[in-house]
C-alpha atoms as a PDB file:
ATOM      1  CA  MET A   1      -9.725 -10.967  -1.002  1.00  0.00           C
ATOM      2  CA  ILE A   2      -5.931 -10.866  -0.980  1.00  0.00           C
ATOM      3  CA  ASN A   3      -4.278 -11.506  -4.337  1.00  0.00           C
ATOM      4  CA  TRP A   4      -1.420 -13.654  -3.049  1.00  0.00           C
ATOM      5  CA  SER A   5      -0.381 -14.757  -6.522  1.00  0.00           C
ATOM      6  CA  ALA A   6       0.393 -11.145  -7.495  1.00  0.00           C
ATOM      7  CA  ILE A   7       2.497 -10.722  -4.359  1.00  0.00           C
ATOM      8  CA  ALA A   8       4.319 -13.991  -5.099  1.00  0.00           C
ATOM      9  CA  ASP A   9       5.015 -12.757  -8.641  1.00  0.00           C
ATOM     10  CA  ALA A  10       6.462  -9.503  -7.249  1.00  0.00           C
ATOM     11  CA  ILE A  11       8.744 -11.473  -4.938  1.00  0.00           C
ATOM     12  CA  SER A  12       9.844 -13.693  -7.829  1.00  0.00           C
ATOM     13  CA  THR A  13      10.703 -10.621  -9.890  1.00  0.00           C
ATOM     14  CA  ALA A  14      12.607  -8.965  -7.040  1.00  0.00           C
ATOM     15  CA  THR A  15      14.619 -12.077  -6.152  1.00  0.00           C
ATOM     16  CA  GLN A  16      14.876 -13.470  -9.690  1.00  0.00           C
ATOM     17  CA  ASN A  17      13.799 -16.804  -8.219  1.00  0.00           C
ATOM     18  CA  CYS A  18      10.395 -18.428  -8.553  1.00  0.00           C
ATOM     19  CA  PHE A  19       8.451 -17.993  -5.310  1.00  0.00           C
ATOM     20  CA  GLN A  20       5.152 -19.740  -4.689  1.00  0.00           C
ATOM     21  CA  ILE A  21       3.235 -19.282  -1.472  1.00  0.00           C
ATOM     22  CA  ALA A  22       2.488 -22.536   0.346  1.00  0.00           C
ATOM     23  CA  HIS A  23       1.262 -20.961   3.567  1.00  0.00           C
ATOM     24  CA  ALA A  24       0.127 -17.509   4.708  1.00  0.00           C
ATOM     25  CA  ALA A  25      -0.554 -16.700   8.351  1.00  0.00           C
ATOM     26  CA  PRO A  26      -1.799 -13.418   9.850  1.00  0.00           C
ATOM     27  CA  LEU A  27       0.314 -11.842  12.580  1.00  0.00           C
ATOM     28  CA  SER A  28      -0.769  -9.611  15.449  1.00  0.00           C
ATOM     29  CA  GLY A  29       0.755  -6.364  16.628  1.00  0.00           C
ATOM     30  CA  GLY A  30      -0.004  -3.762  13.962  1.00  0.00           C
ATOM     31  CA  CYS A  31      -2.642  -1.053  14.360  1.00  0.00           C
ATOM     32  CA  ILE A  32      -2.380   0.568  10.911  1.00  0.00           C
ATOM     33  CA  ASN A  33      -1.548  -2.303   8.573  1.00  0.00           C
ATOM     34  CA  GLN A  34      -2.375  -5.967   8.285  1.00  0.00           C
ATOM     35  CA  ALA A  35       0.682  -8.156   8.887  1.00  0.00           C
ATOM     36  CA  TRP A  36       1.309 -11.603   7.432  1.00  0.00           C
ATOM     37  CA  ARG A  37       4.017 -14.244   7.337  1.00  0.00           C
ATOM     38  CA  ILE A  38       4.197 -16.093   4.023  1.00  0.00           C
ATOM     39  CA  GLU A  39       6.223 -19.208   3.314  1.00  0.00           C
ATOM     40  CA  SER A  40       7.085 -21.320   0.284  1.00  0.00           C
ATOM     41  CA  ARG A  41       7.344 -25.111   0.161  1.00  0.00           C
ATOM     42  CA  ASP A  42      11.136 -24.919   0.387  1.00  0.00           C
ATOM     43  CA  GLY A  43      10.968 -22.805   3.571  1.00  0.00           C
ATOM     44  CA  ALA A  44      11.617 -19.300   2.214  1.00  0.00           C
ATOM     45  CA  ARG A  45       9.709 -16.808   4.373  1.00  0.00           C
ATOM     46  CA  TYR A  46       8.785 -13.135   4.111  1.00  0.00           C
ATOM     47  CA  PHE A  47       6.949 -10.564   6.190  1.00  0.00           C
ATOM     48  CA  VAL A  48       4.149  -8.801   4.312  1.00  0.00           C
ATOM     49  CA  LYS A  49       2.319  -5.608   5.237  1.00  0.00           C
ATOM     50  CA  LEU A  50      -1.031  -4.890   3.619  1.00  0.00           C
ATOM     51  CA  ASN A  51      -3.146  -1.765   3.440  1.00  0.00           C
ATOM     52  CA  SER A  52      -5.632  -0.179   1.061  1.00  0.00           C
ATOM     53  CA  ALA A  53      -4.573   0.491  -2.523  1.00  0.00           C
ATOM     54  CA  GLY A  54      -4.219   4.223  -1.872  1.00  0.00           C
ATOM     55  CA  LYS A  55      -1.402   3.667   0.629  1.00  0.00           C
ATOM     56  CA  LEU A  56       1.320   2.863  -1.891  1.00  0.00           C
ATOM     57  CA  PRO A  57       3.280   6.121  -1.188  1.00  0.00           C
ATOM     58  CA  MET A  58       3.412   5.152   2.495  1.00  0.00           C
ATOM     59  CA  PHE A  59       4.941   1.770   1.718  1.00  0.00           C
ATOM     60  CA  GLU A  60       7.288   3.219  -0.898  1.00  0.00           C
ATOM     61  CA  ALA A  61       8.536   5.682   1.720  1.00  0.00           C
ATOM     62  CA  GLU A  62       9.012   2.920   4.285  1.00  0.00           C
ATOM     63  CA  GLN A  63      10.972   0.899   1.758  1.00  0.00           C
ATOM     64  CA  THR A  64      13.203   3.912   1.063  1.00  0.00           C
ATOM     65  CA  GLY A  65      13.704   4.569   4.778  1.00  0.00           C
ATOM     66  CA  LEU A  66      14.581   0.980   5.653  1.00  0.00           C
ATOM     67  CA  ALA A  67      17.037   0.838   2.760  1.00  0.00           C
ATOM     68  CA  ALA A  68      18.685   4.073   3.913  1.00  0.00           C
ATOM     69  CA  ILE A  69      19.165   2.774   7.455  1.00  0.00           C
ATOM     70  CA  ALA A  70      20.323  -0.658   6.268  1.00  0.00           C
ATOM     71  CA  ALA A  71      22.924   0.977   4.018  1.00  0.00           C
ATOM     72  CA  THR A  72      24.631   2.545   7.052  1.00  0.00           C
ATOM     73  CA  GLN A  73      25.474  -0.922   8.442  1.00  0.00           C
ATOM     74  CA  THR A  74      25.052   0.444  11.958  1.00  0.00           C
ATOM     75  CA  VAL A  75      21.875  -1.171  13.300  1.00  0.00           C
ATOM     76  CA  ARG A  76      19.865  -4.118  11.991  1.00  0.00           C
ATOM     77  CA  VAL A  77      16.560  -3.446  10.253  1.00  0.00           C
ATOM     78  CA  PRO A  78      14.429  -5.796   8.142  1.00  0.00           C
ATOM     79  CA  GLN A  79      15.672  -5.687   4.570  1.00  0.00           C
ATOM     80  CA  PRO A  80      12.964  -4.349   2.230  1.00  0.00           C
ATOM     81  CA  LEU A  81      12.287  -6.428  -0.853  1.00  0.00           C
ATOM     82  CA  THR A  82       9.451  -4.949  -2.917  1.00  0.00           C
ATOM     83  CA  CYS A  83       6.150  -3.118  -2.725  1.00  0.00           C
ATOM     84  CA  GLY A  84       3.230  -2.533  -5.042  1.00  0.00           C
ATOM     85  CA  ILE A  85      -0.517  -2.763  -5.615  1.00  0.00           C
ATOM     86  CA  CYS A  86      -2.488  -5.960  -6.042  1.00  0.00           C
ATOM     87  CA  GLY A  87      -6.196  -5.411  -6.536  1.00  0.00           C
ATOM     88  CA  GLU A  88      -7.676  -3.569  -3.570  1.00  0.00           C
ATOM     89  CA  HIS A  89      -4.488  -3.825  -1.500  1.00  0.00           C
ATOM     90  CA  THR A  90      -1.080  -2.185  -1.308  1.00  0.00           C
ATOM     91  CA  PHE A  91       1.688  -4.496  -0.116  1.00  0.00           C
ATOM     92  CA  LEU A  92       5.199  -4.204   1.275  1.00  0.00           C
ATOM     93  CA  VAL A  93       7.415  -7.291   1.454  1.00  0.00           C
ATOM     94  CA  LEU A  94      10.238  -7.413   3.986  1.00  0.00           C
ATOM     95  CA  GLU A  95      12.772  -9.911   5.207  1.00  0.00           C
ATOM     96  CA  PHE A  96      11.157 -12.140   7.832  1.00  0.00           C
ATOM     97  CA  LEU A  97      12.950 -12.047  11.185  1.00  0.00           C
ATOM     98  CA  GLU A  98      12.285 -14.216  14.238  1.00  0.00           C
ATOM     99  CA  LEU A  99      11.994 -11.629  17.006  1.00  0.00           C
ATOM    100  CA  ARG A 100      11.662 -11.627  20.761  1.00  0.00           C
ATOM    101  CA  GLY A 101      10.739  -8.744  23.009  1.00  0.00           C
ATOM    102  CA  SER A 102      13.631  -8.662  25.468  1.00  0.00           C
ATOM    103  CA  GLY A 103      17.397  -8.685  25.258  1.00  0.00           C
ATOM    104  CA  ASN A 104      20.591  -6.796  26.047  1.00  0.00           C
ATOM    105  CA  GLU A 105      19.964  -3.140  25.153  1.00  0.00           C
ATOM    106  CA  ARG A 106      23.566  -1.994  25.530  1.00  0.00           C
ATOM    107  CA  PRO A 107      24.493  -2.841  21.914  1.00  0.00           C
ATOM    108  CA  LEU A 108      21.407  -0.978  20.698  1.00  0.00           C
ATOM    109  CA  GLY A 109      22.478   2.212  22.476  1.00  0.00           C
ATOM    110  CA  ALA A 110      25.900   2.104  20.842  1.00  0.00           C
ATOM    111  CA  GLN A 111      24.430   1.239  17.431  1.00  0.00           C
ATOM    112  CA  LEU A 112      21.951   4.095  17.596  1.00  0.00           C
ATOM    113  CA  ALA A 113      24.799   6.501  18.325  1.00  0.00           C
ATOM    114  CA  ALA A 114      26.601   5.107  15.273  1.00  0.00           C
ATOM    115  CA  LEU A 115      23.486   5.628  13.152  1.00  0.00           C
ATOM    116  CA  HIS A 116      23.309   9.241  14.344  1.00  0.00           C
ATOM    117  CA  ARG A 117      26.896   9.822  13.239  1.00  0.00           C
ATOM    118  CA  VAL A 118      25.698   9.284   9.650  1.00  0.00           C
ATOM    119  CA  GLN A 119      25.024  12.864   8.679  1.00  0.00           C
ATOM    120  CA  ALA A 120      23.902  15.082   5.820  1.00  0.00           C
ATOM    121  CA  ARG A 121      24.488  18.709   4.902  1.00  0.00           C
ATOM    122  CA  GLN A 122      20.878  19.727   5.547  1.00  0.00           C
ATOM    123  CA  PHE A 123      17.867  18.733   7.602  1.00  0.00           C
ATOM    124  CA  GLY A 124      15.179  16.677   5.903  1.00  0.00           C
ATOM    125  CA  PHE A 125      15.105  13.545   3.775  1.00  0.00           C
ATOM    126  CA  ALA A 126      14.945  12.379   0.186  1.00  0.00           C
ATOM    127  CA  ARG A 127      11.156  12.131   0.379  1.00  0.00           C
ATOM    128  CA  ASP A 128       8.230  12.701   2.697  1.00  0.00           C
ATOM    129  CA  ASN A 129       7.100   9.695   4.735  1.00  0.00           C
ATOM    130  CA  THR A 130       4.537   8.936   7.419  1.00  0.00           C
ATOM    131  CA  LEU A 131       4.440   9.022  11.202  1.00  0.00           C
ATOM    132  CA  GLY A 132       1.791   6.494  12.067  1.00  0.00           C
ATOM    133  CA  ASP A 133      -0.874   7.396   9.532  1.00  0.00           C
ATOM    134  CA  THR A 134       0.110  11.079   9.329  1.00  0.00           C
ATOM    135  CA  GLN A 135       2.177  12.599   6.544  1.00  0.00           C
ATOM    136  CA  GLN A 136       5.613  13.693   7.711  1.00  0.00           C
ATOM    137  CA  GLN A 137       7.134  16.493   5.667  1.00  0.00           C
ATOM    138  CA  ASN A 138      10.873  16.257   5.011  1.00  0.00           C
ATOM    139  CA  SER A 139      11.753  19.078   2.600  1.00  0.00           C
ATOM    140  CA  TRP A 140      15.425  19.995   2.861  1.00  0.00           C
ATOM    141  CA  ALA A 141      16.269  22.982   5.095  1.00  0.00           C
ATOM    142  CA  SER A 142      19.594  24.438   6.165  1.00  0.00           C
ATOM    143  CA  ASP A 143      18.292  25.819   9.469  1.00  0.00           C
ATOM    144  CA  TRP A 144      17.122  23.489  12.247  1.00  0.00           C
ATOM    145  CA  ILE A 145      14.833  26.008  13.948  1.00  0.00           C
ATOM    146  CA  THR A 146      13.031  26.702  10.661  1.00  0.00           C
ATOM    147  CA  PHE A 147      12.718  22.986   9.948  1.00  0.00           C
ATOM    148  CA  TRP A 148      11.280  22.174  13.393  1.00  0.00           C
ATOM    149  CA  LYS A 149       8.969  25.186  13.350  1.00  0.00           C
ATOM    150  CA  GLU A 150       7.497  24.714   9.876  1.00  0.00           C
ATOM    151  CA  GLN A 151       7.681  20.991   9.132  1.00  0.00           C
ATOM    152  CA  ARG A 152       7.175  19.557  12.582  1.00  0.00           C
ATOM    153  CA  LEU A 153       5.323  21.683  15.170  1.00  0.00           C
ATOM    154  CA  GLY A 154       3.710  24.107  12.721  1.00  0.00           C
ATOM    155  CA  PHE A 155       2.521  21.286  10.484  1.00  0.00           C
ATOM    156  CA  GLN A 156       0.930  19.428  13.390  1.00  0.00           C
ATOM    157  CA  LEU A 157      -0.716  22.576  14.759  1.00  0.00           C
ATOM    158  CA  ASP A 158      -2.206  23.369  11.350  1.00  0.00           C
ATOM    159  CA  LEU A 159      -3.491  19.804  11.114  1.00  0.00           C
ATOM    160  CA  ALA A 160      -4.946  20.093  14.624  1.00  0.00           C
ATOM    161  CA  ALA A 161      -6.833  23.229  13.621  1.00  0.00           C
ATOM    162  CA  ARG A 162      -8.302  21.400  10.613  1.00  0.00           C
ATOM    163  CA  ASN A 163      -9.296  18.586  12.975  1.00  0.00           C
ATOM    164  CA  GLY A 164     -11.206  21.014  15.171  1.00  0.00           C
ATOM    165  CA  HIS A 165      -8.622  21.453  17.934  1.00  0.00           C
ATOM    166  CA  SER A 166      -8.614  25.232  18.313  1.00  0.00           C
ATOM    167  CA  GLY A 167      -8.710  27.519  21.337  1.00  0.00           C
ATOM    168  CA  SER A 168      -5.878  27.286  23.854  1.00  0.00           C
ATOM    169  CA  LEU A 169      -3.999  24.647  21.835  1.00  0.00           C
ATOM    170  CA  GLN A 170      -3.540  27.098  18.971  1.00  0.00           C
ATOM    171  CA  THR A 171      -2.884  30.091  21.243  1.00  0.00           C
ATOM    172  CA  LEU A 172      -0.180  28.217  23.124  1.00  0.00           C
ATOM    173  CA  GLY A 173       1.166  26.868  19.858  1.00  0.00           C
ATOM    174  CA  GLU A 174       1.597  30.347  18.398  1.00  0.00           C
ATOM    175  CA  ARG A 175       3.428  31.496  21.523  1.00  0.00           C
ATOM    176  CA  LEU A 176       5.711  28.477  21.422  1.00  0.00           C
ATOM    177  CA  LEU A 177       6.575  28.900  17.749  1.00  0.00           C
ATOM    178  CA  GLU A 178       7.541  32.503  18.471  1.00  0.00           C
ATOM    179  CA  LYS A 179       9.743  31.344  21.339  1.00  0.00           C
ATOM    180  CA  LEU A 180      11.600  28.645  19.420  1.00  0.00           C
ATOM    181  CA  PRO A 181      14.630  30.856  18.635  1.00  0.00           C
ATOM    182  CA  GLU A 182      14.967  31.540  22.367  1.00  0.00           C
ATOM    183  CA  LEU A 183      14.556  27.904  23.387  1.00  0.00           C
ATOM    184  CA  LEU A 184      17.180  26.790  20.864  1.00  0.00           C
ATOM    185  CA  ASP A 185      19.438  29.841  21.164  1.00  0.00           C
ATOM    186  CA  GLY A 186      23.091  28.919  20.709  1.00  0.00           C
ATOM    187  CA  TYR A 187      22.285  25.298  19.938  1.00  0.00           C
ATOM    188  CA  THR A 188      23.406  24.127  16.495  1.00  0.00           C
ATOM    189  CA  PRO A 189      22.813  20.388  15.993  1.00  0.00           C
ATOM    190  CA  SER A 190      24.165  18.513  13.015  1.00  0.00           C
ATOM    191  CA  PRO A 191      21.732  16.732  10.659  1.00  0.00           C
ATOM    192  CA  SER A 192      21.946  13.120  11.876  1.00  0.00           C
ATOM    193  CA  LEU A 193      20.102  10.200  10.304  1.00  0.00           C
ATOM    194  CA  LEU A 194      17.234   9.395  12.679  1.00  0.00           C
ATOM    195  CA  HIS A 195      14.917   6.434  13.002  1.00  0.00           C
ATOM    196  CA  GLY A 196      12.191   9.033  13.463  1.00  0.00           C
ATOM    197  CA  ASP A 197       9.579   6.955  15.343  1.00  0.00           C
ATOM    198  CA  LEU A 198      11.685   5.389  18.071  1.00  0.00           C
ATOM    199  CA  TRP A 199       9.213   4.307  20.730  1.00  0.00           C
ATOM    200  CA  GLY A 200       9.664   1.047  22.587  1.00  0.00           C
ATOM    201  CA  GLY A 201       7.325  -0.930  20.333  1.00  0.00           C
ATOM    202  CA  ASN A 202       9.581  -0.373  17.322  1.00  0.00           C
ATOM    203  CA  HIS A 203      12.529  -2.356  18.593  1.00  0.00           C
ATOM    204  CA  ALA A 204      13.066  -6.031  19.394  1.00  0.00           C
ATOM    205  CA  PHE A 205      15.809  -8.665  19.358  1.00  0.00           C
ATOM    206  CA  LEU A 206      16.791 -11.591  17.174  1.00  0.00           C
ATOM    207  CA  THR A 207      17.022 -15.021  18.746  1.00  0.00           C
ATOM    208  CA  ASP A 208      20.806 -14.538  19.001  1.00  0.00           C
ATOM    209  CA  GLY A 209      20.241 -11.332  20.988  1.00  0.00           C
ATOM    210  CA  ALA A 210      21.083  -8.825  18.245  1.00  0.00           C
ATOM    211  CA  PRO A 211      18.851  -5.706  18.405  1.00  0.00           C
ATOM    212  CA  VAL A 212      16.539  -4.796  15.538  1.00  0.00           C
ATOM    213  CA  LEU A 213      14.725  -1.559  14.705  1.00  0.00           C
ATOM    214  CA  PHE A 214      11.678  -1.417  12.430  1.00  0.00           C
ATOM    215  CA  ASP A 215       8.765   0.805  11.321  1.00  0.00           C
ATOM    216  CA  PRO A 216      10.958   3.903  10.838  1.00  0.00           C
ATOM    217  CA  ALA A 217       9.990   7.409   9.756  1.00  0.00           C
ATOM    218  CA  PRO A 218      13.540   8.568   9.040  1.00  0.00           C
ATOM    219  CA  TYR A 219      14.958  11.980   8.299  1.00  0.00           C
ATOM    220  CA  TYR A 220      18.112  13.939   9.025  1.00  0.00           C
ATOM    221  CA  GLY A 221      17.563  15.944  12.197  1.00  0.00           C
ATOM    222  CA  ASP A 222      18.787  16.583  15.721  1.00  0.00           C
ATOM    223  CA  ARG A 223      19.792  13.243  17.233  1.00  0.00           C
ATOM    224  CA  GLU A 224      18.163  14.333  20.487  1.00  0.00           C
ATOM    225  CA  ALA A 225      14.761  13.978  18.817  1.00  0.00           C
ATOM    226  CA  ASP A 226      15.284  10.207  18.576  1.00  0.00           C
ATOM    227  CA  LEU A 227      16.516   9.980  22.173  1.00  0.00           C
ATOM    228  CA  ALA A 228      13.609  12.069  23.406  1.00  0.00           C
ATOM    229  CA  MET A 229      11.009   9.754  21.904  1.00  0.00           C
ATOM    230  CA  THR A 230      12.581   6.728  23.590  1.00  0.00           C
ATOM    231  CA  GLU A 231      11.586   8.399  26.857  1.00  0.00           C
ATOM    232  CA  LEU A 232       8.078   9.450  25.813  1.00  0.00           C
ATOM    233  CA  PHE A 233       6.374   6.061  25.881  1.00  0.00           C
ATOM    234  CA  GLY A 234       9.033   4.043  27.711  1.00  0.00           C
ATOM    235  CA  GLY A 235      10.395   0.666  26.693  1.00  0.00           C
ATOM    236  CA  PHE A 236      14.137   1.334  26.939  1.00  0.00           C
ATOM    237  CA  GLY A 237      16.249   0.504  29.974  1.00  0.00           C
ATOM    238  CA  PRO A 238      19.234   2.160  31.690  1.00  0.00           C
ATOM    239  CA  GLU A 239      21.793   0.076  29.780  1.00  0.00           C
ATOM    240  CA  PHE A 240      20.539   1.529  26.498  1.00  0.00           C
ATOM    241  CA  TYR A 241      21.030   5.119  27.687  1.00  0.00           C
ATOM    242  CA  ALA A 242      24.367   4.386  29.359  1.00  0.00           C
ATOM    243  CA  ALA A 243      25.712   2.870  26.149  1.00  0.00           C
ATOM    244  CA  TYR A 244      24.462   5.753  24.015  1.00  0.00           C
ATOM    245  CA  ARG A 245      25.906   8.408  26.314  1.00  0.00           C
ATOM    246  CA  SER A 246      29.198   6.533  26.500  1.00  0.00           C
ATOM    247  CA  ALA A 247      29.405   6.544  22.703  1.00  0.00           C
ATOM    248  CA  TRP A 248      28.147  10.124  22.307  1.00  0.00           C
ATOM    249  CA  PRO A 249      27.399  12.233  25.408  1.00  0.00           C
ATOM    250  CA  LEU A 250      24.446  14.639  25.616  1.00  0.00           C
ATOM    251  CA  ASP A 251      24.686  18.122  27.126  1.00  0.00           C
ATOM    252  CA  ALA A 252      22.528  19.532  29.916  1.00  0.00           C
ATOM    253  CA  GLY A 253      20.197  21.345  27.517  1.00  0.00           C
ATOM    254  CA  TYR A 254      18.740  18.037  26.401  1.00  0.00           C
ATOM    255  CA  ALA A 255      16.531  17.975  29.514  1.00  0.00           C
ATOM    256  CA  THR A 256      14.548  20.947  28.136  1.00  0.00           C
ATOM    257  CA  ARG A 257      14.816  20.184  24.441  1.00  0.00           C
ATOM    258  CA  LYS A 258      13.426  16.660  24.822  1.00  0.00           C
ATOM    259  CA  SER A 259      10.028  18.120  25.795  1.00  0.00           C
ATOM    260  CA  LEU A 260      10.118  20.341  22.726  1.00  0.00           C
ATOM    261  CA  TYR A 261      10.846  17.341  20.520  1.00  0.00           C
ATOM    262  CA  ASN A 262       8.316  15.028  22.171  1.00  0.00           C
ATOM    263  CA  LEU A 263       5.611  17.655  21.719  1.00  0.00           C
ATOM    264  CA  TYR A 264       5.663  16.802  18.018  1.00  0.00           C
ATOM    265  CA  HIS A 265       4.701  13.206  18.754  1.00  0.00           C
ATOM    266  CA  VAL A 266       2.073  14.160  21.330  1.00  0.00           C
ATOM    267  CA  LEU A 267       0.498  16.549  18.821  1.00  0.00           C
ATOM    268  CA  ASN A 268       0.536  13.765  16.256  1.00  0.00           C
ATOM    269  CA  HIS A 269      -1.268  11.486  18.706  1.00  0.00           C
ATOM    270  CA  ALA A 270      -3.767  14.273  19.380  1.00  0.00           C
ATOM    271  CA  ASN A 271      -4.453  14.452  15.649  1.00  0.00           C
ATOM    272  CA  LEU A 272      -4.718  10.686  15.311  1.00  0.00           C
ATOM    273  CA  PHE A 273      -6.597   9.827  18.496  1.00  0.00           C
ATOM    274  CA  GLY A 274      -7.752  13.066  20.184  1.00  0.00           C
ATOM    275  CA  GLY A 275      -8.741  12.547  23.800  1.00  0.00           C
ATOM    276  CA  GLY A 276      -6.212  13.273  26.514  1.00  0.00           C
ATOM    277  CA  TYR A 277      -3.385  13.897  24.057  1.00  0.00           C
ATOM    278  CA  VAL A 278      -4.762  17.385  23.387  1.00  0.00           C
ATOM    279  CA  GLN A 279      -4.562  18.254  27.081  1.00  0.00           C
ATOM    280  CA  GLN A 280      -1.110  16.680  27.316  1.00  0.00           C
ATOM    281  CA  ALA A 281       0.111  18.825  24.432  1.00  0.00           C
ATOM    282  CA  GLU A 282      -1.293  21.962  26.065  1.00  0.00           C
ATOM    283  CA  SER A 283       0.426  21.125  29.367  1.00  0.00           C
ATOM    284  CA  MET A 284       3.737  20.591  27.606  1.00  0.00           C
ATOM    285  CA  MET A 285       3.474  23.900  25.772  1.00  0.00           C
ATOM    286  CA  LYS A 286       2.594  25.755  28.978  1.00  0.00           C
ATOM    287  CA  ARG A 287       5.802  24.478  30.575  1.00  0.00           C
ATOM    288  CA  LEU A 288       7.870  25.369  27.519  1.00  0.00           C
ATOM    289  CA  VAL A 289       6.580  28.926  27.137  1.00  0.00           C
END
């Protein structure tokens, strides 16, 4: 049973205006959270995510990440409003946006490059967040190789071992971690603000054609990690890449580094779903080592 009155009270507190829910409708598309559109009698609408009560840190982190990206004024994201616990549920309330699946991707490429030009002094983020349903560690680090080794690949390999994925996956993983300094030799990226989970399903367009990004897992890292993931599961067209490269070109080494960065996401999928993702991760590591 969803305690809609508690969610309405939280919205009223956040907006300092009385909000009463006249209609609530479930939405499709999410695989981790329930999604709802709620509306008042005067037409005010919000997007609500629901999960179990223990998931509050996940929604707090998403709220922080969306606010950080919104503050850059580079690319549109849903504005976060409030989050909390109501009974057996955790909730996150966001601005409701009318979205469509297709549009001109050229502005998105340029806007992503602008987001990446927002930089920090170190790699990491103000707090840990989640990648899908997996914790993503974001402790600050001054060295990119150390960050990627310990908080990205090493973390996922340790999690895989706890999930029973041992054998060649771990052997190849150890070899790859040892080879990271060689693979990234002479490459010194700046800590750019990343979306962090930039597959095709996490972008859409407003009815006026403006691009929107959502469901981020942000941190300050190598901008190539965002670009690499756009290629992992598809969903972005040539105009997107042309616009990004026009705004901020990539060097030839990206062709190798993108596999190194996408391995993190494939390992995460192996930990979440198992199956063929384990074999895919092993094949990627064989090519890299």
